Amino acid sequence: MAEEYVSRVPWSIEPSLKEKTEEVGIDFDKFIAGLAKNLSDMEMAKDFNVSSKLISHLRKHFEELGIHSVMGQD
């Protein structure tokens, strides 16, 4: 008897980085550009007028989960 393959829809374990930046009023593309320029948390916090702790949280999301945190399989 052949096993039937069941397709599973990918799911996210938390909001994407884009959703998080939009939620706190940070332009996503500018945030990614800041990461690409290797700006410090303090520099980016000043540019976006937010705390360095917030930038650190967003940077950690990028470094550990990437832009999206999608899991699952087809």
C-alpha atoms as a PDB file:
ATOM      1  CA  MET A   1       0.000   0.000   0.000  1.00  0.00           C
ATOM      2  CA  ALA A   2       1.495   3.320  -1.087  1.00  0.00           C
ATOM      3  CA  GLU A   3       1.666   6.141   1.438  1.00  0.00           C
ATOM      4  CA  GLU A   4      -0.323   9.216   0.572  1.00  0.00           C
ATOM      5  CA  TYR A   5       1.670  12.446   0.655  1.00  0.00           C
ATOM      6  CA  VAL A   6      -0.036  15.303   2.485  1.00  0.00           C
ATOM      7  CA  SER A   7       1.061  18.804   1.529  1.00  0.00           C
ATOM      8  CA  ARG A   8       1.633  21.086   4.487  1.00  0.00           C
ATOM      9  CA  VAL A   9       1.343  24.835   4.297  1.00  0.00           C
ATOM     10  CA  PRO A  10       4.367  26.765   5.573  1.00  0.00           C
ATOM     11  CA  TRP A  11       3.681  28.815   8.681  1.00  0.00           C
ATOM     12  CA  SER A  12       5.463  31.580  10.495  1.00  0.00           C
ATOM     13  CA  ILE A  13       6.655  31.365  14.071  1.00  0.00           C
ATOM     14  CA  GLU A  14       6.456  35.147  14.481  1.00  0.00           C
ATOM     15  CA  PRO A  15       5.931  38.337  12.461  1.00  0.00           C
ATOM     16  CA  SER A  16       8.381  39.080   9.656  1.00  0.00           C
ATOM     17  CA  LEU A  17      11.089  41.683  10.073  1.00  0.00           C
ATOM     18  CA  LYS A  18       9.203  43.931   7.654  1.00  0.00           C
ATOM     19  CA  GLU A  19       6.072  43.727   9.817  1.00  0.00           C
ATOM     20  CA  LYS A  20       8.104  44.502  12.938  1.00  0.00           C
ATOM     21  CA  THR A  21       9.821  47.547  11.422  1.00  0.00           C
ATOM     22  CA  GLU A  22       6.532  48.893  10.078  1.00  0.00           C
ATOM     23  CA  GLU A  23       4.909  48.429  13.488  1.00  0.00           C
ATOM     24  CA  VAL A  24       7.480  50.705  15.140  1.00  0.00           C
ATOM     25  CA  GLY A  25       7.614  53.275  12.322  1.00  0.00           C
ATOM     26  CA  ILE A  26      10.967  52.291  10.805  1.00  0.00           C
ATOM     27  CA  ASP A  27      11.367  52.164   7.034  1.00  0.00           C
ATOM     28  CA  PHE A  28      12.242  48.531   6.283  1.00  0.00           C
ATOM     29  CA  ASP A  29      14.432  49.276   3.242  1.00  0.00           C
ATOM     30  CA  LYS A  30      16.414  51.911   5.153  1.00  0.00           C
ATOM     31  CA  PHE A  31      16.842  49.501   8.063  1.00  0.00           C
ATOM     32  CA  ILE A  32      18.248  46.805   5.751  1.00  0.00           C
ATOM     33  CA  ALA A  33      20.508  49.428   4.138  1.00  0.00           C
ATOM     34  CA  GLY A  34      21.808  50.349   7.605  1.00  0.00           C
ATOM     35  CA  LEU A  35      22.621  46.714   8.286  1.00  0.00           C
ATOM     36  CA  ALA A  36      24.376  46.449   4.914  1.00  0.00           C
ATOM     37  CA  LYS A  37      26.481  49.524   5.787  1.00  0.00           C
ATOM     38  CA  ASN A  38      27.332  47.837   9.103  1.00  0.00           C
ATOM     39  CA  LEU A  39      26.025  50.809  11.092  1.00  0.00           C
ATOM     40  CA  SER A  40      26.025  50.404  14.863  1.00  0.00           C
ATOM     41  CA  ASP A  41      22.831  50.128  16.885  1.00  0.00           C
ATOM     42  CA  MET A  42      23.478  53.636  18.230  1.00  0.00           C
ATOM     43  CA  GLU A  43      23.900  55.114  14.732  1.00  0.00           C
ATOM     44  CA  MET A  44      20.744  53.467  13.469  1.00  0.00           C
ATOM     45  CA  ALA A  45      18.791  54.435  16.597  1.00  0.00           C
ATOM     46  CA  LYS A  46      19.768  58.065  16.032  1.00  0.00           C
ATOM     47  CA  ASP A  47      18.816  57.898  12.329  1.00  0.00           C
ATOM     48  CA  PHE A  48      15.386  56.398  13.114  1.00  0.00           C
ATOM     49  CA  ASN A  49      14.815  58.334  16.344  1.00  0.00           C
ATOM     50  CA  VAL A  50      14.268  55.162  18.388  1.00  0.00           C
ATOM     51  CA  SER A  51      16.149  53.418  21.197  1.00  0.00           C
ATOM     52  CA  SER A  52      19.275  51.392  20.534  1.00  0.00           C
ATOM     53  CA  LYS A  53      17.557  48.537  22.409  1.00  0.00           C
ATOM     54  CA  LEU A  54      14.846  48.457  19.718  1.00  0.00           C
ATOM     55  CA  ILE A  55      17.445  48.405  16.944  1.00  0.00           C
ATOM     56  CA  SER A  56      19.278  45.618  18.780  1.00  0.00           C
ATOM     57  CA  HIS A  57      16.063  43.577  18.926  1.00  0.00           C
ATOM     58  CA  LEU A  58      15.432  44.060  15.193  1.00  0.00           C
ATOM     59  CA  ARG A  59      19.060  43.229  14.359  1.00  0.00           C
ATOM     60  CA  LYS A  60      18.828  40.043  16.438  1.00  0.00           C
ATOM     61  CA  HIS A  61      15.695  39.024  14.515  1.00  0.00           C
ATOM     62  CA  PHE A  62      17.577  39.542  11.231  1.00  0.00           C
ATOM     63  CA  GLU A  63      20.667  37.647  12.361  1.00  0.00           C
ATOM     64  CA  GLU A  64      18.804  34.697  13.876  1.00  0.00           C
ATOM     65  CA  LEU A  65      15.681  34.396  11.722  1.00  0.00           C
ATOM     66  CA  GLY A  66      16.392  36.418   8.598  1.00  0.00           C
ATOM     67  CA  ILE A  67      13.717  38.572   7.023  1.00  0.00           C
ATOM     68  CA  HIS A  68      10.962  35.979   7.427  1.00  0.00           C
ATOM     69  CA  SER A  69      10.680  33.170   9.933  1.00  0.00           C
ATOM     70  CA  VAL A  70       8.722  30.727   7.792  1.00  0.00           C
ATOM     71  CA  MET A  71       8.729  27.046   8.660  1.00  0.00           C
ATOM     72  CA  GLY A  72       6.980  24.007   7.279  1.00  0.00           C
ATOM     73  CA  GLN A  73       7.137  21.932   4.171  1.00  0.00           C
ATOM     74  CA  ASP A  74       5.318  21.154   0.950  1.00  0.00           C
END
